[in-house]
Full PDB file with SEQRES, HELIX, SHEET, SSBOND, CRYST1, ORIGX, SCALE, CONECT and MASTER records, all heavy atoms in Angstrom:
SEQRES   1 A   31  ASN LEU ARG GLN PHE VAL THR GLN LYS CYS ASN PHE ILE          
SEQRES   2 A   31  LEU ALA VAL GLY GLY LEU MET GLY GLY ALA THR GLU LYS          
SEQRES   3 A   31  VAL ALA LYS GLU ASN                                          
HELIX    1 AA1 LEU A    2  THR A    7  1                                   6    
HELIX    2 AA2 GLY A   18  MET A   20  5                                   3    
HELIX    3 AA3 GLY A   21  GLU A   30  1                                  10    
CRYST1    1.000    1.000    1.000  90.00  90.00  90.00 P 1           1          
ORIGX1      1.000000  0.000000  0.000000        0.00000                         
ORIGX2      0.000000  1.000000  0.000000        0.00000                         
ORIGX3      0.000000  0.000000  1.000000        0.00000                         
SCALE1      1.000000  0.000000  0.000000        0.00000                         
SCALE2      0.000000  1.000000  0.000000        0.00000                         
SCALE3      0.000000  0.000000  1.000000        0.00000                         
ATOM      1  N   ASN A   1      -5.196  -5.735  -0.194  1.00  0.00           N  
ATOM      2  CA  ASN A   1      -4.977  -5.408   1.216  1.00  0.00           C  
ATOM      3  C   ASN A   1      -4.464  -3.983   1.389  1.00  0.00           C  
ATOM      4  O   ASN A   1      -4.892  -3.257   2.298  1.00  0.00           O  
ATOM      5  CB  ASN A   1      -4.005  -6.403   1.848  1.00  0.00           C  
ATOM      6  CG  ASN A   1      -4.646  -7.739   2.164  1.00  0.00           C  
ATOM      7  OD1 ASN A   1      -5.869  -7.855   2.201  1.00  0.00           O  
ATOM      8  ND2 ASN A   1      -3.831  -8.755   2.399  1.00  0.00           N  
ATOM      9  N   LEU A   2      -3.538  -3.582   0.531  1.00  0.00           N  
ATOM     10  CA  LEU A   2      -3.052  -2.203   0.567  1.00  0.00           C  
ATOM     11  C   LEU A   2      -4.173  -1.223   0.241  1.00  0.00           C  
ATOM     12  O   LEU A   2      -4.336  -0.181   0.898  1.00  0.00           O  
ATOM     13  CB  LEU A   2      -1.892  -2.025  -0.419  1.00  0.00           C  
ATOM     14  CG  LEU A   2      -0.585  -2.739  -0.073  1.00  0.00           C  
ATOM     15  CD1 LEU A   2       0.350  -2.751  -1.278  1.00  0.00           C  
ATOM     16  CD2 LEU A   2       0.096  -2.072   1.118  1.00  0.00           C  
ATOM     17  N   ARG A   3      -4.967  -1.556  -0.773  1.00  0.00           N  
ATOM     18  CA  ARG A   3      -6.046  -0.651  -1.193  1.00  0.00           C  
ATOM     19  C   ARG A   3      -7.115  -0.498  -0.111  1.00  0.00           C  
ATOM     20  O   ARG A   3      -7.691   0.585   0.039  1.00  0.00           O  
ATOM     21  CB  ARG A   3      -6.672  -1.148  -2.497  1.00  0.00           C  
ATOM     22  CG  ARG A   3      -5.761  -1.006  -3.702  1.00  0.00           C  
ATOM     23  CD  ARG A   3      -6.492  -1.267  -5.000  1.00  0.00           C  
ATOM     24  NE  ARG A   3      -5.579  -1.241  -6.127  1.00  0.00           N  
ATOM     25  CZ  ARG A   3      -5.101  -0.132  -6.693  1.00  0.00           C  
ATOM     26  NH1 ARG A   3      -5.461   1.056  -6.214  1.00  0.00           N  
ATOM     27  NH2 ARG A   3      -4.274  -0.212  -7.720  1.00  0.00           N  
ATOM     28  N   GLN A   4      -7.389  -1.560   0.636  1.00  0.00           N  
ATOM     29  CA  GLN A   4      -8.416  -1.425   1.669  1.00  0.00           C  
ATOM     30  C   GLN A   4      -7.977  -0.432   2.736  1.00  0.00           C  
ATOM     31  O   GLN A   4      -8.785   0.326   3.258  1.00  0.00           O  
ATOM     32  CB  GLN A   4      -8.760  -2.773   2.309  1.00  0.00           C  
ATOM     33  CG  GLN A   4      -7.829  -3.288   3.370  1.00  0.00           C  
ATOM     34  CD  GLN A   4      -8.448  -4.417   4.179  1.00  0.00           C  
ATOM     35  OE1 GLN A   4      -9.136  -4.192   5.165  1.00  0.00           O  
ATOM     36  NE2 GLN A   4      -8.192  -5.638   3.747  1.00  0.00           N  
ATOM     37  N   PHE A   5      -6.681  -0.389   3.029  1.00  0.00           N  
ATOM     38  CA  PHE A   5      -6.192   0.556   4.029  1.00  0.00           C  
ATOM     39  C   PHE A   5      -6.168   1.983   3.492  1.00  0.00           C  
ATOM     40  O   PHE A   5      -6.329   2.938   4.246  1.00  0.00           O  
ATOM     41  CB  PHE A   5      -4.807   0.139   4.520  1.00  0.00           C  
ATOM     42  CG  PHE A   5      -4.821  -0.959   5.539  1.00  0.00           C  
ATOM     43  CD1 PHE A   5      -3.799  -1.903   5.567  1.00  0.00           C  
ATOM     44  CD2 PHE A   5      -5.837  -1.057   6.483  1.00  0.00           C  
ATOM     45  CE1 PHE A   5      -3.795  -2.923   6.516  1.00  0.00           C  
ATOM     46  CE2 PHE A   5      -5.840  -2.071   7.436  1.00  0.00           C  
ATOM     47  CZ  PHE A   5      -4.823  -2.998   7.453  1.00  0.00           C  
ATOM     48  N   VAL A   6      -5.948   2.138   2.171  1.00  0.00           N  
ATOM     49  CA  VAL A   6      -6.063   3.473   1.572  1.00  0.00           C  
ATOM     50  C   VAL A   6      -7.497   3.967   1.696  1.00  0.00           C  
ATOM     51  O   VAL A   6      -7.764   5.098   2.117  1.00  0.00           O  
ATOM     52  CB  VAL A   6      -5.634   3.457   0.087  1.00  0.00           C  
ATOM     53  CG1 VAL A   6      -5.940   4.798  -0.572  1.00  0.00           C  
ATOM     54  CG2 VAL A   6      -4.145   3.138  -0.041  1.00  0.00           C  
ATOM     55  N   THR A   7      -8.442   3.122   1.344  1.00  0.00           N  
ATOM     56  CA  THR A   7      -9.855   3.472   1.417  1.00  0.00           C  
ATOM     57  C   THR A   7     -10.262   3.853   2.833  1.00  0.00           C  
ATOM     58  O   THR A   7     -11.061   4.770   3.049  1.00  0.00           O  
ATOM     59  CB  THR A   7     -10.715   2.297   0.919  1.00  0.00           C  
ATOM     60  OG1 THR A   7     -10.359   1.997  -0.435  1.00  0.00           O  
ATOM     61  CG2 THR A   7     -12.194   2.625   0.995  1.00  0.00           C  
ATOM     62  N   GLN A   8      -9.691   3.156   3.800  1.00  0.00           N  
ATOM     63  CA  GLN A   8     -10.043   3.392   5.186  1.00  0.00           C  
ATOM     64  C   GLN A   8      -9.189   4.483   5.839  1.00  0.00           C  
ATOM     65  O   GLN A   8      -9.270   4.705   7.042  1.00  0.00           O  
ATOM     66  CB  GLN A   8      -9.951   2.070   5.945  1.00  0.00           C  
ATOM     67  CG  GLN A   8     -10.993   1.075   5.453  1.00  0.00           C  
ATOM     68  CD  GLN A   8     -10.658  -0.370   5.764  1.00  0.00           C  
ATOM     69  OE1 GLN A   8      -9.620  -0.662   6.346  1.00  0.00           O  
ATOM     70  NE2 GLN A   8     -11.536  -1.276   5.376  1.00  0.00           N  
ATOM     71  N   LYS A   9      -8.372   5.149   5.014  1.00  0.00           N  
ATOM     72  CA  LYS A   9      -7.644   6.356   5.396  1.00  0.00           C  
ATOM     73  C   LYS A   9      -6.708   6.160   6.579  1.00  0.00           C  
ATOM     74  O   LYS A   9      -6.731   6.915   7.560  1.00  0.00           O  
ATOM     75  CB  LYS A   9      -8.620   7.512   5.658  1.00  0.00           C  
ATOM     76  CG  LYS A   9      -9.493   7.862   4.466  1.00  0.00           C  
ATOM     77  CD  LYS A   9     -10.332   9.097   4.718  1.00  0.00           C  
ATOM     78  CE  LYS A   9     -11.264   9.383   3.547  1.00  0.00           C  
ATOM     79  NZ  LYS A   9     -10.540   9.581   2.276  1.00  0.00           N  
ATOM     80  N   CYS A  10      -5.856   5.167   6.473  1.00  0.00           N  
ATOM     81  CA  CYS A  10      -4.795   5.002   7.458  1.00  0.00           C  
ATOM     82  C   CYS A  10      -3.790   6.149   7.310  1.00  0.00           C  
ATOM     83  O   CYS A  10      -3.585   6.667   6.218  1.00  0.00           O  
ATOM     84  CB  CYS A  10      -4.068   3.685   7.250  1.00  0.00           C  
ATOM     85  SG  CYS A  10      -5.090   2.233   7.576  1.00  0.00           S  
ATOM     86  N   ASN A  11      -3.149   6.512   8.408  1.00  0.00           N  
ATOM     87  CA  ASN A  11      -2.094   7.521   8.338  1.00  0.00           C  
ATOM     88  C   ASN A  11      -0.807   6.941   7.758  1.00  0.00           C  
ATOM     89  O   ASN A  11      -0.074   7.625   7.042  1.00  0.00           O  
ATOM     90  CB  ASN A  11      -1.791   8.071   9.735  1.00  0.00           C  
ATOM     91  CG  ASN A  11      -2.977   8.794  10.331  1.00  0.00           C  
ATOM     92  OD1 ASN A  11      -3.840   8.161  10.924  1.00  0.00           O  
ATOM     93  ND2 ASN A  11      -3.044  10.103  10.165  1.00  0.00           N  
ATOM     94  N   PHE A  12      -0.528   5.695   8.085  1.00  0.00           N  
ATOM     95  CA  PHE A  12       0.715   5.049   7.658  1.00  0.00           C  
ATOM     96  C   PHE A  12       0.381   3.606   7.300  1.00  0.00           C  
ATOM     97  O   PHE A  12      -0.237   2.895   8.099  1.00  0.00           O  
ATOM     98  CB  PHE A  12       1.730   5.094   8.808  1.00  0.00           C  
ATOM     99  CG  PHE A  12       3.097   4.559   8.467  1.00  0.00           C  
ATOM    100  CD1 PHE A  12       4.038   5.361   7.855  1.00  0.00           C  
ATOM    101  CD2 PHE A  12       3.453   3.251   8.789  1.00  0.00           C  
ATOM    102  CE1 PHE A  12       5.316   4.872   7.561  1.00  0.00           C  
ATOM    103  CE2 PHE A  12       4.718   2.757   8.500  1.00  0.00           C  
ATOM    104  CZ  PHE A  12       5.652   3.577   7.886  1.00  0.00           C  
ATOM    105  N   ILE A  13       0.747   3.192   6.096  1.00  0.00           N  
ATOM    106  CA  ILE A  13       0.477   1.829   5.635  1.00  0.00           C  
ATOM    107  C   ILE A  13       1.812   1.143   5.388  1.00  0.00           C  
ATOM    108  O   ILE A  13       2.587   1.562   4.531  1.00  0.00           O  
ATOM    109  CB  ILE A  13      -0.372   1.815   4.351  1.00  0.00           C  
ATOM    110  CG1 ILE A  13      -1.710   2.532   4.583  1.00  0.00           C  
ATOM    111  CG2 ILE A  13      -0.608   0.377   3.892  1.00  0.00           C  
ATOM    112  CD1 ILE A  13      -2.539   2.700   3.321  1.00  0.00           C  
ATOM    113  N   LEU A  14       2.069   0.080   6.147  1.00  0.00           N  
ATOM    114  CA  LEU A  14       3.338  -0.621   6.057  1.00  0.00           C  
ATOM    115  C   LEU A  14       3.185  -1.933   5.305  1.00  0.00           C  
ATOM    116  O   LEU A  14       2.375  -2.784   5.672  1.00  0.00           O  
ATOM    117  CB  LEU A  14       3.876  -0.902   7.465  1.00  0.00           C  
ATOM    118  CG  LEU A  14       5.198  -1.669   7.528  1.00  0.00           C  
ATOM    119  CD1 LEU A  14       6.326  -0.842   6.905  1.00  0.00           C  
ATOM    120  CD2 LEU A  14       5.538  -2.045   8.966  1.00  0.00           C  
ATOM    121  N   ALA A  15       3.984  -2.091   4.262  1.00  0.00           N  
ATOM    122  CA  ALA A  15       4.061  -3.348   3.516  1.00  0.00           C  
ATOM    123  C   ALA A  15       5.281  -4.104   4.021  1.00  0.00           C  
ATOM    124  O   ALA A  15       6.393  -3.570   4.018  1.00  0.00           O  
ATOM    125  CB  ALA A  15       4.188  -3.072   2.019  1.00  0.00           C  
ATOM    126  N   VAL A  16       5.083  -5.340   4.458  1.00  0.00           N  
ATOM    127  CA  VAL A  16       6.172  -6.099   5.067  1.00  0.00           C  
ATOM    128  C   VAL A  16       6.714  -7.118   4.075  1.00  0.00           C  
ATOM    129  O   VAL A  16       6.054  -8.104   3.758  1.00  0.00           O  
ATOM    130  CB  VAL A  16       5.709  -6.797   6.366  1.00  0.00           C  
ATOM    131  CG1 VAL A  16       6.896  -7.492   7.025  1.00  0.00           C  
ATOM    132  CG2 VAL A  16       5.100  -5.788   7.331  1.00  0.00           C  
ATOM    133  N   GLY A  17       7.915  -6.855   3.586  1.00  0.00           N  
ATOM    134  CA  GLY A  17       8.566  -7.834   2.729  1.00  0.00           C  
ATOM    135  C   GLY A  17       8.830  -7.346   1.320  1.00  0.00           C  
ATOM    136  O   GLY A  17       8.007  -6.637   0.724  1.00  0.00           O  
ATOM    137  N   GLY A  18       9.988  -7.740   0.796  1.00  0.00           N  
ATOM    138  CA  GLY A  18      10.381  -7.319  -0.545  1.00  0.00           C  
ATOM    139  C   GLY A  18       9.453  -7.783  -1.639  1.00  0.00           C  
ATOM    140  O   GLY A  18       9.365  -7.145  -2.698  1.00  0.00           O  
ATOM    141  N   LEU A  19       8.736  -8.886  -1.430  1.00  0.00           N  
ATOM    142  CA  LEU A  19       7.806  -9.368  -2.448  1.00  0.00           C  
ATOM    143  C   LEU A  19       6.663  -8.391  -2.690  1.00  0.00           C  
ATOM    144  O   LEU A  19       5.988  -8.468  -3.716  1.00  0.00           O  
ATOM    145  CB  LEU A  19       7.234 -10.725  -2.035  1.00  0.00           C  
ATOM    146  CG  LEU A  19       8.183 -11.924  -2.105  1.00  0.00           C  
ATOM    147  CD1 LEU A  19       7.496 -13.170  -1.560  1.00  0.00           C  
ATOM    148  CD2 LEU A  19       8.647 -12.167  -3.539  1.00  0.00           C  
ATOM    149  N   MET A  20       6.436  -7.489  -1.757  1.00  0.00           N  
ATOM    150  CA  MET A  20       5.326  -6.555  -1.887  1.00  0.00           C  
ATOM    151  C   MET A  20       5.703  -5.282  -2.643  1.00  0.00           C  
ATOM    152  O   MET A  20       4.897  -4.369  -2.783  1.00  0.00           O  
ATOM    153  CB  MET A  20       4.780  -6.190  -0.494  1.00  0.00           C  
ATOM    154  CG  MET A  20       4.244  -7.402   0.253  1.00  0.00           C  
ATOM    155  SD  MET A  20       3.495  -6.992   1.841  1.00  0.00           S  
ATOM    156  CE  MET A  20       2.041  -6.132   1.278  1.00  0.00           C  
ATOM    157  N   GLY A  21       6.947  -5.226  -3.144  1.00  0.00           N  
ATOM    158  CA  GLY A  21       7.418  -4.022  -3.810  1.00  0.00           C  
ATOM    159  C   GLY A  21       6.561  -3.581  -4.980  1.00  0.00           C  
ATOM    160  O   GLY A  21       6.199  -2.410  -5.105  1.00  0.00           O  
ATOM    161  N   GLY A  22       6.217  -4.511  -5.865  1.00  0.00           N  
ATOM    162  CA  GLY A  22       5.439  -4.156  -7.051  1.00  0.00           C  
ATOM    163  C   GLY A  22       4.063  -3.637  -6.715  1.00  0.00           C  
ATOM    164  O   GLY A  22       3.624  -2.606  -7.255  1.00  0.00           O  
ATOM    165  N   ALA A  23       3.366  -4.319  -5.819  1.00  0.00           N  
ATOM    166  CA  ALA A  23       2.023  -3.889  -5.425  1.00  0.00           C  
ATOM    167  C   ALA A  23       2.077  -2.546  -4.715  1.00  0.00           C  
ATOM    168  O   ALA A  23       1.224  -1.669  -4.942  1.00  0.00           O  
ATOM    169  CB  ALA A  23       1.383  -4.937  -4.521  1.00  0.00           C  
ATOM    170  N   THR A  24       3.084  -2.358  -3.863  1.00  0.00           N  
ATOM    171  CA  THR A  24       3.213  -1.101  -3.122  1.00  0.00           C  
ATOM    172  C   THR A  24       3.496   0.057  -4.075  1.00  0.00           C  
ATOM    173  O   THR A  24       2.913   1.145  -3.944  1.00  0.00           O  
ATOM    174  CB  THR A  24       4.330  -1.214  -2.076  1.00  0.00           C  
ATOM    175  OG1 THR A  24       4.058  -2.324  -1.204  1.00  0.00           O  
ATOM    176  CG2 THR A  24       4.422   0.050  -1.242  1.00  0.00           C  
ATOM    177  N   GLU A  25       4.375  -0.168  -5.031  1.00  0.00           N  
ATOM    178  CA  GLU A  25       4.682   0.883  -6.006  1.00  0.00           C  
ATOM    179  C   GLU A  25       3.424   1.296  -6.767  1.00  0.00           C  
ATOM    180  O   GLU A  25       3.142   2.493  -6.939  1.00  0.00           O  
ATOM    181  CB  GLU A  25       5.752   0.404  -6.980  1.00  0.00           C  
ATOM    182  CG  GLU A  25       6.091   1.442  -8.047  1.00  0.00           C  
ATOM    183  CD  GLU A  25       7.223   1.002  -8.950  1.00  0.00           C  
ATOM    184  OE1 GLU A  25       7.660  -0.171  -8.843  1.00  0.00           O  
ATOM    185  OE2 GLU A  25       7.662   1.829  -9.772  1.00  0.00           O  
ATOM    186  N   LYS A  26       2.667   0.322  -7.210  1.00  0.00           N  
ATOM    187  CA  LYS A  26       1.462   0.620  -7.991  1.00  0.00           C  
ATOM    188  C   LYS A  26       0.452   1.425  -7.184  1.00  0.00           C  
ATOM    189  O   LYS A  26      -0.049   2.465  -7.641  1.00  0.00           O  
ATOM    190  CB  LYS A  26       0.823  -0.691  -8.455  1.00  0.00           C  
ATOM    191  CG  LYS A  26      -0.431  -0.499  -9.308  1.00  0.00           C  
ATOM    192  CD  LYS A  26      -0.979  -1.850  -9.768  1.00  0.00           C  
ATOM    193  CE  LYS A  26      -2.229  -1.673 -10.620  1.00  0.00           C  
ATOM    194  NZ  LYS A  26      -2.786  -2.982 -11.073  1.00  0.00           N  
ATOM    195  N   VAL A  27       0.160   0.973  -5.973  1.00  0.00           N  
ATOM    196  CA  VAL A  27      -0.846   1.650  -5.164  1.00  0.00           C  
ATOM    197  C   VAL A  27      -0.344   3.014  -4.702  1.00  0.00           C  
ATOM    198  O   VAL A  27      -1.105   3.986  -4.670  1.00  0.00           O  
ATOM    199  CB  VAL A  27      -1.232   0.767  -3.960  1.00  0.00           C  
ATOM    200  CG1 VAL A  27      -2.244   1.486  -3.067  1.00  0.00           C  
ATOM    201  CG2 VAL A  27      -1.819  -0.560  -4.436  1.00  0.00           C  
ATOM    202  N   ALA A  28       0.956   3.116  -4.374  1.00  0.00           N  
ATOM    203  CA  ALA A  28       1.502   4.396  -3.914  1.00  0.00           C  
ATOM    204  C   ALA A  28       1.486   5.447  -5.015  1.00  0.00           C  
ATOM    205  O   ALA A  28       1.208   6.628  -4.760  1.00  0.00           O  
ATOM    206  CB  ALA A  28       2.925   4.189  -3.402  1.00  0.00           C  
ATOM    207  N   LYS A  29       1.783   5.045  -6.246  1.00  0.00           N  
ATOM    208  CA  LYS A  29       1.774   6.004  -7.355  1.00  0.00           C  
ATOM    209  C   LYS A  29       0.368   6.527  -7.633  1.00  0.00           C  
ATOM    210  O   LYS A  29       0.194   7.643  -8.120  1.00  0.00           O  
ATOM    211  CB  LYS A  29       2.340   5.340  -8.614  1.00  0.00           C  
ATOM    212  CG  LYS A  29       3.855   5.224  -8.620  1.00  0.00           C  
ATOM    213  CD  LYS A  29       4.357   4.603  -9.919  1.00  0.00           C  
ATOM    214  CE  LYS A  29       5.863   4.610  -9.995  1.00  0.00           C  
ATOM    215  NZ  LYS A  29       6.367   3.984 -11.259  1.00  0.00           N  
ATOM    216  N   GLU A  30      -0.636   5.720  -7.331  1.00  0.00           N  
ATOM    217  CA  GLU A  30      -2.020   6.136  -7.552  1.00  0.00           C  
ATOM    218  C   GLU A  30      -2.576   6.948  -6.377  1.00  0.00           C  
ATOM    219  O   GLU A  30      -3.655   7.534  -6.500  1.00  0.00           O  
ATOM    220  CB  GLU A  30      -2.899   4.902  -7.771  1.00  0.00           C  
ATOM    221  CG  GLU A  30      -2.567   4.137  -9.038  1.00  0.00           C  
ATOM    222  CD  GLU A  30      -3.312   2.815  -9.122  1.00  0.00           C  
ATOM    223  OE1 GLU A  30      -4.146   2.538  -8.237  1.00  0.00           O  
ATOM    224  OE2 GLU A  30      -3.067   2.047 -10.087  1.00  0.00           O  
ATOM    225  N   ASN A  31      -1.830   6.977  -5.259  1.00  0.00           N  
ATOM    226  CA  ASN A  31      -2.311   7.661  -4.051  1.00  0.00           C  
ATOM    227  C   ASN A  31      -1.155   8.446  -3.432  1.00  0.00           C  
ATOM    228  O   ASN A  31      -0.622   8.096  -2.382  1.00  0.00           O  
ATOM    229  CB  ASN A  31      -2.861   6.638  -3.052  1.00  0.00           C  
ATOM    230  CG  ASN A  31      -4.046   5.865  -3.579  1.00  0.00           C  
ATOM    231  OD1 ASN A  31      -5.183   6.311  -3.513  1.00  0.00           O  
ATOM    232  ND2 ASN A  31      -3.769   4.686  -4.132  1.00  0.00           N  
TER     233      ASN A  31                                                      
MASTER        0    0    0    3    0    0    0    6  232    1    0    3          
END                                                                             
């Protein structure tokens, strides 16, 4: 879900919830 918004070039991508920390860190470091 995070990656689809990166691909679609959102200005701001919000992850809601502490459980999303790992996925957000991974995708953010790559982008």
